[in-house]
Structure formats: C-alpha cells, structure tokens
C-alpha atoms as a PDB file:
ATOM      1  CA  MET A   1      16.714  41.102 -26.560  1.00  0.00           C
ATOM      2  CA  ASP A   2      20.203  42.221 -25.456  1.00  0.00           C
ATOM      3  CA  ARG A   3      21.139  45.874 -26.162  1.00  0.00           C
ATOM      4  CA  LEU A   4      24.460  47.281 -27.407  1.00  0.00           C
ATOM      5  CA  LEU A   5      25.339  50.721 -26.055  1.00  0.00           C
ATOM      6  CA  ILE A   6      28.150  52.790 -27.543  1.00  0.00           C
ATOM      7  CA  ILE A   7      29.841  55.046 -25.043  1.00  0.00           C
ATOM      8  CA  MET A   8      32.201  57.808 -26.240  1.00  0.00           C
ATOM      9  CA  PHE A   9      34.651  59.456 -23.901  1.00  0.00           C
ATOM     10  CA  LEU A  10      36.256  62.863 -24.789  1.00  0.00           C
ATOM     11  CA  PHE A  11      39.383  64.036 -23.031  1.00  0.00           C
ATOM     12  CA  PHE A  12      40.642  67.654 -23.203  1.00  0.00           C
ATOM     13  CA  SER A  13      43.890  69.079 -21.999  1.00  0.00           C
ATOM     14  CA  ALA A  14      46.016  72.140 -22.742  1.00  0.00           C
ATOM     15  CA  ASN A  15      48.185  70.205 -25.166  1.00  0.00           C
ATOM     16  CA  CYS A  16      45.848  67.733 -26.812  1.00  0.00           C
ATOM     17  CA  ASN A  17      42.417  66.383 -27.208  1.00  0.00           C
ATOM     18  CA  ALA A  18      41.619  62.673 -27.177  1.00  0.00           C
ATOM     19  CA  GLN A  19      38.661  60.525 -27.922  1.00  0.00           C
ATOM     20  CA  TYR A  20      37.944  57.038 -26.563  1.00  0.00           C
ATOM     21  CA  THR A  21      35.020  54.927 -27.612  1.00  0.00           C
ATOM     22  CA  GLU A  22      33.853  51.685 -25.955  1.00  0.00           C
ATOM     23  CA  ALA A  23      31.004  49.363 -26.797  1.00  0.00           C
ATOM     24  CA  VAL A  24      29.186  47.913 -23.790  1.00  0.00           C
ATOM     25  CA  LEU A  25      26.741  44.971 -24.129  1.00  0.00           C
ATOM     26  CA  PHE A  26      23.916  45.189 -21.670  1.00  0.00           C
ATOM     27  CA  LYS A  27      22.171  41.893 -21.005  1.00  0.00           C
ATOM     28  CA  GLN A  28      18.418  42.166 -20.990  1.00  0.00           C
ATOM     29  CA  PRO A  29      17.052  40.629 -17.764  1.00  0.00           C
ATOM     30  CA  CYS A  30      15.589  37.245 -18.837  1.00  0.00           C
ATOM     31  CA  ALA A  31      12.550  35.430 -17.531  1.00  0.00           C
ATOM     32  CA  VAL A  32      11.396  31.860 -18.088  1.00  0.00           C
ATOM     33  CA  PRO A  33       7.660  31.095 -17.984  1.00  0.00           C
ATOM     34  CA  ALA A  34       6.382  29.028 -15.071  1.00  0.00           C
ATOM     35  CA  ILE A  35       6.671  25.265 -15.352  1.00  0.00           C
ATOM     36  CA  ALA A  36       3.366  23.555 -16.132  1.00  0.00           C
ATOM     37  CA  GLY A  37       2.197  20.018 -15.357  1.00  0.00           C
ATOM     38  CA  THR A  38       1.065  17.749 -12.533  1.00  0.00           C
ATOM     39  CA  LEU A  39       3.403  18.166  -9.579  1.00  0.00           C
ATOM     40  CA  THR A  40       2.587  14.932  -7.733  1.00  0.00           C
ATOM     41  CA  VAL A  41       3.498  11.420  -8.798  1.00  0.00           C
ATOM     42  CA  ASN A  42       3.618   7.958  -7.247  1.00  0.00           C
ATOM     43  CA  ALA A  43       6.888   6.103  -6.902  1.00  0.00           C
ATOM     44  CA  GLY A  44       7.376   4.072 -10.064  1.00  0.00           C
ATOM     45  CA  SER A  45       5.072   6.289 -12.131  1.00  0.00           C
ATOM     46  CA  THR A  46       5.686   9.342 -14.312  1.00  0.00           C
ATOM     47  CA  THR A  47       4.360  12.843 -14.798  1.00  0.00           C
ATOM     48  CA  SER A  48       5.170  15.206 -17.671  1.00  0.00           C
ATOM     49  CA  LEU A  49       6.263  18.807 -17.115  1.00  0.00           C
ATOM     50  CA  SER A  50       6.560  21.470 -19.773  1.00  0.00           C
ATOM     51  CA  ASP A  51       7.531  25.105 -20.288  1.00  0.00           C
ATOM     52  CA  ALA A  52       6.431  27.614 -22.895  1.00  0.00           C
ATOM     53  CA  ALA A  53      10.071  28.492 -23.508  1.00  0.00           C
ATOM     54  CA  THR A  54      11.856  25.961 -25.703  1.00  0.00           C
ATOM     55  CA  GLY A  55      15.426  24.719 -25.836  1.00  0.00           C
ATOM     56  CA  GLY A  56      16.067  24.486 -22.107  1.00  0.00           C
ATOM     57  CA  ALA A  57      17.341  21.607 -19.983  1.00  0.00           C
ATOM     58  CA  TRP A  58      15.646  19.862 -17.061  1.00  0.00           C
ATOM     59  CA  ALA A  59      17.283  18.782 -13.823  1.00  0.00           C
ATOM     60  CA  SER A  60      16.212  17.285 -10.482  1.00  0.00           C
ATOM     61  CA  SER A  61      17.740  18.363  -7.178  1.00  0.00           C
ATOM     62  CA  VAL A  62      17.162  15.013  -5.422  1.00  0.00           C
ATOM     63  CA  THR A  63      17.576  12.119  -7.846  1.00  0.00           C
ATOM     64  CA  SER A  64      16.946   9.583  -5.089  1.00  0.00           C
ATOM     65  CA  THR A  65      13.389  10.970  -4.946  1.00  0.00           C
ATOM     66  CA  ALA A  66      12.694  11.878  -8.584  1.00  0.00           C
ATOM     67  CA  ILE A  67      14.555  11.868 -11.875  1.00  0.00           C
ATOM     68  CA  VAL A  68      13.692  13.952 -14.927  1.00  0.00           C
ATOM     69  CA  GLY A  69      14.536  13.603 -18.597  1.00  0.00           C
ATOM     70  CA  ASN A  70      17.076  16.289 -19.525  1.00  0.00           C
ATOM     71  CA  SER A  71      15.245  17.233 -22.710  1.00  0.00           C
ATOM     72  CA  THR A  72      11.780  15.751 -22.150  1.00  0.00           C
ATOM     73  CA  GLY A  73      10.611  17.031 -18.768  1.00  0.00           C
ATOM     74  CA  VAL A  74       9.227  13.593 -17.927  1.00  0.00           C
ATOM     75  CA  VAL A  75       9.579  13.063 -14.168  1.00  0.00           C
ATOM     76  CA  THR A  76       9.788   9.538 -12.730  1.00  0.00           C
ATOM     77  CA  GLY A  77       9.024   9.041  -9.048  1.00  0.00           C
ATOM     78  CA  VAL A  78      11.698   7.031  -7.258  1.00  0.00           C
ATOM     79  CA  ALA A  79      10.839   7.243  -3.552  1.00  0.00           C
ATOM     80  CA  ALA A  80       8.567   9.261  -1.283  1.00  0.00           C
ATOM     81  CA  GLY A  81       9.689  12.841  -0.740  1.00  0.00           C
ATOM     82  CA  THR A  82      10.125  16.105  -2.639  1.00  0.00           C
ATOM     83  CA  SER A  83      12.581  17.303  -5.286  1.00  0.00           C
ATOM     84  CA  MET A  84      13.063  20.678  -6.941  1.00  0.00           C
ATOM     85  CA  ILE A  85      12.804  20.466 -10.724  1.00  0.00           C
ATOM     86  CA  THR A  86      14.670  23.180 -12.624  1.00  0.00           C
ATOM     87  CA  TYR A  87      14.293  24.206 -16.263  1.00  0.00           C
ATOM     88  CA  THR A  88      17.326  26.228 -17.414  1.00  0.00           C
ATOM     89  CA  MET A  89      17.787  28.209 -20.621  1.00  0.00           C
ATOM     90  CA  SER A  90      21.104  28.743 -22.417  1.00  0.00           C
ATOM     91  CA  LEU A  91      21.654  32.228 -20.931  1.00  0.00           C
ATOM     92  CA  GLY A  92      21.306  30.847 -17.424  1.00  0.00           C
ATOM     93  CA  CYS A  93      17.731  31.946 -16.840  1.00  0.00           C
ATOM     94  CA  TYR A  94      15.589  29.279 -15.191  1.00  0.00           C
ATOM     95  CA  ALA A  95      12.230  28.350 -13.745  1.00  0.00           C
ATOM     96  CA  ILE A  96      11.859  26.066 -10.767  1.00  0.00           C
ATOM     97  CA  THR A  97       9.096  24.027  -9.162  1.00  0.00           C
ATOM     98  CA  THR A  98       8.736  21.260  -6.584  1.00  0.00           C
ATOM     99  CA  VAL A  99       7.513  17.762  -7.335  1.00  0.00           C
ATOM    100  CA  THR A 100       6.155  15.559  -4.538  1.00  0.00           C
ATOM    101  CA  VAL A 101       6.523  11.797  -4.779  1.00  0.00           C
ATOM    102  CA  HIS A 102       4.150   9.509  -2.896  1.00  0.00           C
ATOM    103  CA  ASN A 103       4.509   5.822  -2.255  1.00  0.00           C
ATOM    104  CA  ALA A 104       2.127   3.945  -4.513  1.00  0.00           C
ATOM    105  CA  ALA A 105      -0.938   2.586  -2.736  1.00  0.00           C
ATOM    106  CA  PRO A 106      -0.539  -1.158  -2.118  1.00  0.00           C
ATOM    107  CA  ALA A 107      -2.726  -3.636  -3.949  1.00  0.00           C
ATOM    108  CA  TYR A 108      -4.593  -4.850  -0.877  1.00  0.00           C
ATOM    109  CA  ALA A 109      -5.904  -8.378  -0.655  1.00  0.00           C
ATOM    110  CA  THR A 110      -9.550  -9.354  -0.945  1.00  0.00           C
ATOM    111  CA  LEU A 111     -11.264 -12.686  -0.587  1.00  0.00           C
ATOM    112  CA  ASN A 112     -10.713 -14.673  -3.758  1.00  0.00           C
ATOM    113  CA  PRO A 113     -13.875 -15.420  -5.791  1.00  0.00           C
ATOM    114  CA  SER A 114     -11.896 -18.058  -7.692  1.00  0.00           C
ATOM    115  CA  ASP A 115     -10.860 -19.837  -4.511  1.00  0.00           C
ATOM    116  CA  ILE A 116     -14.118 -20.365  -2.625  1.00  0.00           C
ATOM    117  CA  THR A 117     -16.232 -23.374  -1.789  1.00  0.00           C
ATOM    118  CA  SER A 118     -19.407 -23.638  -3.855  1.00  0.00           C
ATOM    119  CA  GLY A 119     -22.383 -22.397  -1.858  1.00  0.00           C
ATOM    120  CA  LEU A 120     -20.555 -19.499  -0.201  1.00  0.00           C
ATOM    121  CA  THR A 121     -20.983 -16.028  -1.666  1.00  0.00           C
ATOM    122  CA  LEU A 122     -18.951 -12.815  -1.700  1.00  0.00           C
ATOM    123  CA  SER A 123     -20.103  -9.199  -1.872  1.00  0.00           C
ATOM    124  CA  GLY A 124     -18.898  -5.698  -1.055  1.00  0.00           C
ATOM    125  CA  GLY A 125     -15.893  -5.794  -3.342  1.00  0.00           C
ATOM    126  CA  ASN A 126     -15.149  -9.386  -2.245  1.00  0.00           C
ATOM    127  CA  LEU A 127     -14.658  -8.252   1.354  1.00  0.00           C
ATOM    128  CA  THR A 128     -17.859  -9.734   2.816  1.00  0.00           C
ATOM    129  CA  ILE A 129     -18.489 -13.480   2.867  1.00  0.00           C
ATOM    130  CA  ASP A 130     -21.948 -14.947   3.411  1.00  0.00           C
ATOM    131  CA  MET A 131     -22.402 -18.554   4.475  1.00  0.00           C
ATOM    132  CA  VAL A 132     -26.135 -18.499   5.186  1.00  0.00           C
ATOM    133  CA  GLY A 133     -27.762 -21.527   3.570  1.00  0.00           C
ATOM    134  CA  PHE A 134     -24.466 -23.407   3.340  1.00  0.00           C
ATOM    135  CA  THR A 135     -25.098 -27.003   4.441  1.00  0.00           C
ATOM    136  CA  SER A 136     -21.976 -28.841   3.308  1.00  0.00           C
ATOM    137  CA  PRO A 137     -19.706 -30.158   6.071  1.00  0.00           C
ATOM    138  CA  ASN A 138     -16.967 -27.563   5.588  1.00  0.00           C
ATOM    139  CA  GLY A 139     -16.148 -24.661   3.307  1.00  0.00           C
ATOM    140  CA  GLY A 140     -14.089 -21.518   3.090  1.00  0.00           C
ATOM    141  CA  CYS A 141     -12.428 -18.842   1.031  1.00  0.00           C
ATOM    142  CA  ARG A 142      -8.772 -17.899   0.794  1.00  0.00           C
ATOM    143  CA  THR A 143      -7.377 -14.395   0.153  1.00  0.00           C
ATOM    144  CA  THR A 144      -6.063 -13.233  -3.200  1.00  0.00           C
ATOM    145  CA  VAL A 145      -2.707 -12.436  -1.597  1.00  0.00           C
ATOM    146  CA  GLY A 146      -0.329 -14.759   0.205  1.00  0.00           C
ATOM    147  CA  VAL A 147       2.777 -13.397   1.936  1.00  0.00           C
ATOM    148  CA  SER A 148       6.182 -14.965   2.434  1.00  0.00           C
ATOM    149  CA  SER A 149       7.951 -12.019   4.092  1.00  0.00           C
ATOM    150  CA  GLY A 150       7.017  -8.951   6.111  1.00  0.00           C
ATOM    151  CA  LYS A 151       4.604  -8.300   8.977  1.00  0.00           C
ATOM    152  CA  TYR A 152       0.904  -7.624   8.414  1.00  0.00           C
ATOM    153  CA  TYR A 153      -2.153  -6.895  10.541  1.00  0.00           C
ATOM    154  CA  ILE A 154      -5.741  -7.353   9.309  1.00  0.00           C
ATOM    155  CA  GLU A 155      -9.181  -7.413  10.905  1.00  0.00           C
ATOM    156  CA  LEU A 156     -12.276  -9.610  10.586  1.00  0.00           C
ATOM    157  CA  LYS A 157     -15.679  -8.661  11.967  1.00  0.00           C
ATOM    158  CA  GLN A 158     -18.429 -11.188  12.486  1.00  0.00           C
ATOM    159  CA  ASN A 159     -21.840  -9.898  11.445  1.00  0.00           C
ATOM    160  CA  SER A 160     -23.767 -13.071  12.238  1.00  0.00           C
ATOM    161  CA  SER A 161     -23.021 -16.599  13.387  1.00  0.00           C
ATOM    162  CA  PHE A 162     -24.707 -19.906  14.070  1.00  0.00           C
ATOM    163  CA  ASN A 163     -23.572 -22.140  16.936  1.00  0.00           C
ATOM    164  CA  GLY A 164     -19.935 -21.094  16.573  1.00  0.00           C
ATOM    165  CA  SER A 165     -19.581 -22.895  13.287  1.00  0.00           C
ATOM    166  CA  ASP A 166     -17.411 -20.172  11.725  1.00  0.00           C
ATOM    167  CA  MET A 167     -13.640 -20.493  11.213  1.00  0.00           C
ATOM    168  CA  ILE A 168     -11.023 -17.771  10.806  1.00  0.00           C
ATOM    169  CA  GLY A 169      -7.258 -18.019  10.569  1.00  0.00           C
ATOM    170  CA  VAL A 170      -4.515 -18.700   8.069  1.00  0.00           C
ATOM    171  CA  CYS A 171      -3.561 -21.416   5.639  1.00  0.00           C
ATOM    172  CA  SER A 172      -1.137 -22.347   2.908  1.00  0.00           C
ATOM    173  CA  GLY A 173      -1.862 -22.380  -0.801  1.00  0.00           C
ATOM    174  CA  ALA A 174      -2.306 -26.142  -0.568  1.00  0.00           C
ATOM    175  CA  ALA A 175      -5.010 -26.065   2.128  1.00  0.00           C
ATOM    176  CA  ASP A 176      -8.260 -27.842   1.301  1.00  0.00           C
ATOM    177  CA  MET A 177     -11.145 -25.360   1.772  1.00  0.00           C
ATOM    178  CA  THR A 178     -13.429 -28.263   2.652  1.00  0.00           C
ATOM    179  CA  ALA A 179     -11.116 -29.501   5.401  1.00  0.00           C
ATOM    180  CA  LEU A 180     -10.115 -26.339   7.261  1.00  0.00           C
ATOM    181  CA  GLY A 181      -8.600 -27.177  10.605  1.00  0.00           C
ATOM    182  CA  GLN A 182      -8.621 -30.853   9.700  1.00  0.00           C
ATOM    183  CA  ASP A 183      -5.550 -30.876   7.441  1.00  0.00           C
ATOM    184  CA  ALA A 184      -1.959 -29.867   8.145  1.00  0.00           C
ATOM    185  CA  ASN A 185      -2.200 -26.740   5.984  1.00  0.00           C
ATOM    186  CA  SER A 186      -4.620 -24.594   7.995  1.00  0.00           C
ATOM    187  CA  TRP A 187      -4.690 -22.953  11.443  1.00  0.00           C
ATOM    188  CA  VAL A 188      -8.160 -21.690  12.453  1.00  0.00           C
ATOM    189  CA  ILE A 189     -10.239 -20.876  15.516  1.00  0.00           C
ATOM    190  CA  ASN A 190     -14.021 -21.257  15.942  1.00  0.00           C
ATOM    191  CA  GLY A 191     -16.053 -18.557  17.703  1.00  0.00           C
ATOM    192  CA  GLN A 192     -17.873 -20.727  20.252  1.00  0.00           C
ATOM    193  CA  TYR A 193     -14.969 -23.124  20.647  1.00  0.00           C
ATOM    194  CA  ALA A 194     -11.978 -20.785  20.445  1.00  0.00           C
ATOM    195  CA  TYR A 195     -11.227 -21.547  24.099  1.00  0.00           C
ATOM    196  CA  LEU A 196     -10.118 -25.014  22.947  1.00  0.00           C
ATOM    197  CA  GLY A 197      -7.267 -23.521  20.929  1.00  0.00           C
ATOM    198  CA  VAL A 198      -6.278 -23.422  17.292  1.00  0.00           C
ATOM    199  CA  ASN A 199      -7.755 -26.165  15.146  1.00  0.00           C
ATOM    200  CA  HIS A 200      -4.932 -27.718  13.096  1.00  0.00           C
ATOM    201  CA  SER A 201      -4.457 -31.237  11.687  1.00  0.00           C
ATOM    202  CA  GLY A 202      -7.697 -32.328  13.308  1.00  0.00           C
ATOM    203  CA  GLY A 203      -6.670 -31.328  16.831  1.00  0.00           C
ATOM    204  CA  PHE A 204      -6.579 -28.247  19.044  1.00  0.00           C
ATOM    205  CA  ASN A 205      -3.351 -26.452  19.871  1.00  0.00           C
ATOM    206  CA  GLY A 206      -2.389 -23.537  22.087  1.00  0.00           C
ATOM    207  CA  SER A 207      -3.982 -22.081  25.175  1.00  0.00           C
ATOM    208  CA  GLY A 208      -5.411 -18.864  26.578  1.00  0.00           C
ATOM    209  CA  PHE A 209      -7.952 -18.284  23.806  1.00  0.00           C
ATOM    210  CA  SER A 210     -11.277 -16.547  24.407  1.00  0.00           C
ATOM    211  CA  ASN A 211     -14.454 -17.078  22.437  1.00  0.00           C
ATOM    212  CA  TYR A 212     -15.658 -14.277  20.184  1.00  0.00           C
ATOM    213  CA  THR A 213     -19.140 -13.348  19.079  1.00  0.00           C
ATOM    214  CA  THR A 214     -21.106 -11.109  16.733  1.00  0.00           C
ATOM    215  CA  GLY A 215     -19.715  -7.562  16.607  1.00  0.00           C
ATOM    216  CA  ASP A 216     -16.283  -8.457  17.908  1.00  0.00           C
ATOM    217  CA  VAL A 217     -13.239  -7.372  15.924  1.00  0.00           C
ATOM    218  CA  ASN A 218     -10.775 -10.201  15.421  1.00  0.00           C
ATOM    219  CA  GLY A 219      -7.268  -9.134  14.464  1.00  0.00           C
ATOM    220  CA  LEU A 220      -4.616 -11.318  12.850  1.00  0.00           C
ATOM    221  CA  ALA A 221      -0.985 -10.235  13.196  1.00  0.00           C
ATOM    222  CA  ILE A 222       0.954 -12.295  10.664  1.00  0.00           C
ATOM    223  CA  ASP A 223       4.751 -12.340  10.860  1.00  0.00           C
ATOM    224  CA  ALA A 224       5.702 -13.953   7.552  1.00  0.00           C
ATOM    225  CA  ASP A 225       9.401 -13.631   8.395  1.00  0.00           C
ATOM    226  CA  ALA A 226       9.159 -15.618  11.629  1.00  0.00           C
ATOM    227  CA  LYS A 227       6.190 -17.704  10.340  1.00  0.00           C
ATOM    228  CA  THR A 228       4.031 -16.846  13.339  1.00  0.00           C
ATOM    229  CA  LEU A 229       0.471 -15.687  13.961  1.00  0.00           C
ATOM    230  CA  GLN A 230      -1.013 -13.807  16.894  1.00  0.00           C
ATOM    231  CA  PHE A 231      -4.787 -13.594  17.141  1.00  0.00           C
ATOM    232  CA  TYR A 232      -6.321 -10.449  18.662  1.00  0.00           C
ATOM    233  CA  LEU A 233      -9.787  -9.934  20.102  1.00  0.00           C
ATOM    234  CA  ASN A 234     -10.957  -6.311  20.298  1.00  0.00           C
ATOM    235  CA  ASN A 235      -7.371  -5.053  20.359  1.00  0.00           C
ATOM    236  CA  SER A 236      -6.068  -7.505  22.977  1.00  0.00           C
ATOM    237  CA  PRO A 237      -3.925 -10.580  22.214  1.00  0.00           C
ATOM    238  CA  ASN A 238      -6.096 -13.676  22.110  1.00  0.00           C
ATOM    239  CA  GLY A 239      -4.313 -16.914  22.951  1.00  0.00           C
ATOM    240  CA  ALA A 240      -0.780 -18.126  22.507  1.00  0.00           C
ATOM    241  CA  LEU A 241       1.488 -17.216  19.601  1.00  0.00           C
ATOM    242  CA  ILE A 242       1.065 -19.712  16.758  1.00  0.00           C
ATOM    243  CA  THR A 243       4.346 -20.875  15.205  1.00  0.00           C
ATOM    244  CA  GLY A 244       5.443 -23.100  12.354  1.00  0.00           C
ATOM    245  CA  LEU A 245       3.348 -21.497   9.628  1.00  0.00           C
ATOM    246  CA  PRO A 246       3.990 -22.308   5.950  1.00  0.00           C
ATOM    247  CA  SER A 247       6.388 -20.458   3.653  1.00  0.00           C
ATOM    248  CA  THR A 248       3.527 -18.531   2.043  1.00  0.00           C
ATOM    249  CA  ILE A 249       0.639 -17.510   4.287  1.00  0.00           C
ATOM    250  CA  TYR A 250      -2.945 -16.725   3.276  1.00  0.00           C
ATOM    251  CA  VAL A 251      -5.855 -15.548   5.418  1.00  0.00           C
ATOM    252  CA  VAL A 252      -8.895 -17.834   5.337  1.00  0.00           C
ATOM    253  CA  VAL A 253     -12.518 -17.476   6.440  1.00  0.00           C
ATOM    254  CA  GLY A 254     -14.794 -20.492   6.511  1.00  0.00           C
ATOM    255  CA  GLN A 255     -17.472 -22.509   8.211  1.00  0.00           C
ATOM    256  CA  ASN A 256     -17.939 -25.926   9.702  1.00  0.00           C
ATOM    257  CA  ASN A 257     -21.665 -26.455   9.507  1.00  0.00           C
ATOM    258  CA  LEU A 258     -21.551 -29.421  11.864  1.00  0.00           C
ATOM    259  CA  GLY A 259     -24.721 -30.861  10.318  1.00  0.00           C
ATOM    260  CA  PHE A 260     -26.910 -27.932  11.424  1.00  0.00           C
ATOM    261  CA  LEU A 261     -29.769 -26.559   9.366  1.00  0.00           C
ATOM    262  CA  ALA A 262     -29.369 -23.976   6.612  1.00  0.00           C
ATOM    263  CA  ASN A 263     -27.996 -21.289   8.857  1.00  0.00           C
ATOM    264  CA  GLY A 264     -24.581 -19.746   8.646  1.00  0.00           C
ATOM    265  CA  CYS A 265     -22.147 -16.965   9.263  1.00  0.00           C
ATOM    266  CA  ASN A 266     -21.492 -13.604   7.698  1.00  0.00           C
ATOM    267  CA  TRP A 267     -18.167 -11.806   7.970  1.00  0.00           C
ATOM    268  CA  THR A 268     -16.754  -8.476   6.817  1.00  0.00           C
ATOM    269  CA  THR A 269     -13.013  -8.427   6.275  1.00  0.00           C
ATOM    270  CA  ASN A 270     -10.650  -5.463   6.274  1.00  0.00           C
ATOM    271  CA  PHE A 271      -7.346  -6.079   4.542  1.00  0.00           C
ATOM    272  CA  GLY A 272      -6.248  -2.441   4.708  1.00  0.00           C
ATOM    273  CA  ALA A 273      -8.068  -0.695   1.870  1.00  0.00           C
ATOM    274  CA  THR A 274     -10.014   1.253   4.512  1.00  0.00           C
ATOM    275  CA  THR A 275      -8.938   2.423   7.946  1.00  0.00           C
ATOM    276  CA  LEU A 276      -8.646  -0.403  10.450  1.00  0.00           C
ATOM    277  CA  THR A 277     -10.563  -0.262  13.729  1.00  0.00           C
ATOM    278  CA  TYR A 278      -7.366  -0.624  15.745  1.00  0.00           C
ATOM    279  CA  SER A 279      -3.764   0.350  15.131  1.00  0.00           C
ATOM    280  CA  PRO A 280      -1.471  -2.528  14.128  1.00  0.00           C
ATOM    281  CA  PRO A 281       0.954  -3.896  16.711  1.00  0.00           C
ATOM    282  CA  ALA A 282       4.365  -2.218  16.684  1.00  0.00           C
ATOM    283  CA  GLY A 283       6.332  -3.136  13.571  1.00  0.00           C
ATOM    284  CA  PHE A 284       3.344  -4.513  11.642  1.00  0.00           C
ATOM    285  CA  ASN A 285       1.952  -3.047   8.424  1.00  0.00           C
ATOM    286  CA  ALA A 286      -1.707  -2.069   8.250  1.00  0.00           C
ATOM    287  CA  GLY A 287      -3.305  -4.467   5.812  1.00  0.00           C
ATOM    288  CA  LEU A 288      -2.331  -7.436   3.683  1.00  0.00           C
ATOM    289  CA  TYR A 289      -0.671  -6.783   0.325  1.00  0.00           C
END
C-alpha cells in the first residue's frame, strides 16, 4: 500500500516566523508474483500462462515467434524461437518470463495398411513389410504420404530376400501394386537385377546401378519440385538420376515372386520418425512427410 507522509517546515527569523506544510506520497515498491505455466509450445499450438496477481495485461516481445492474449495469457506459437512474455500491472510493476517455440514434429509417412496387396503383412508401426509366403506374381505397398513439392530423403533396409525378387522405388497414386515396374506409374529397382536399371513400363532404364543385398541401406532422395529420384546404396549414389516422375510421388516397396516357392522379402523402412543411418544429401529433408 502507498504511504502519505506529511512534512512540516518551520522558518524563524528576527522579524517573523513561518510555517510550511507539504504532503508527499511515497510509492510502496511493488512486486508481481512469478508467471506460472508451461513455457514451451509447438508452432501452431497454445499454452496458457497465469499470474497470482489479477488485472494485469500480457504482451509478447517477438510477435513473429509467439503471440499472447492481452487479458487471457494464452500464448500461441507462431515460429521456432524465443519471446519474452511480460505481465504488467496498472502501476507499472511487471513480471517477465521467456517462452520457447518449437517447430511441430512432422507427421512422418508409414507404409499404408489400406494400400497393400493381399498376402503381404505390415508390423512395427507399419514400418516393416513381410513378403514371406507371398506367391502371387506381383505385390506391393505404397506409403501413406505422397509429396508434390519439396525434397525428401528416406532409407530402406533389406532384412531378407529371395532371388532378388524384391522391388523398391517410387510410384504415383494410380500405380497398380500388382504391376510394379510393368506400368507407366512406377519406377523400381530389383536387388539382384538392379544393374539392369530402373524397371518402368515393362522395360529397364538408366545405367550405373549396383545390386544390393541383405543388410544394405538403400536411400531414396526424392526431389518433388524437379520430379526426380536419386537412389543411394550405403550412402553413395546408385545409378543415374531418374527424371519425369509424376506430380505426386509415393514410396513403394514390393515383390515380384517370379513363380518361385513361398519365399519372400522382408524390409524395414525409415521415413524419418527415427534417426536415419546417413545424413540426407544437401538441401534434402530427413524423412517423408
């Protein structure tokens, strides 16, 4: 509470005496309780701050990072960074804290359980595909996410194979999972026959490809802006750059059983939800989202 102090001054001289009185208002030093609440928030999400003192106003120092409701204390993340949030009372007293805004984690792709050939199975959060026992001529599974812009790098690791009958690559949303590499909507390579090039429209295209085998890490660098694909094998470019991809690009994993017995392939995919084995090429995002 502020205090009022009355000061009286007395003046004496040989001829007269005088009295002067003045009232002085002393402001009591004010303090605002510390701001409470969660001090981290993702871009596009909110967090609520509060203070035990009532009647104050909220403000953000960097509104391009975070905004706050003047009377509510609700902070909305705008972009990654930090912003000082101030709560000010009518007498000018204030409390201050710092809110950190993080970019929201992307919704990474998985293999799509609703877009898979009957007889193939998914596990491990729809990141592992098992083709053992699959005896149909062809089959595959497309990702949940297709991209039409941006640059993305993902990895595929072969756990088991049978006579190079596996297929990995990209496709459009119109690709037939039972005709991978045979129609005009898919671009795939086969482990034992990768040296022949990319299987597309029933033929092989490109040069400089090396076969891959169990344990190898196959990378796919997808440039959805330029509509190109570069295969990688254990962190080295594998084969020529593939061009002319569709407007929306999906990753696909499949098998051409080639009439063999009930044997098949098993793959583990990494679309970015966990750390990739290798760093993406310059300018490419880690993962597919």
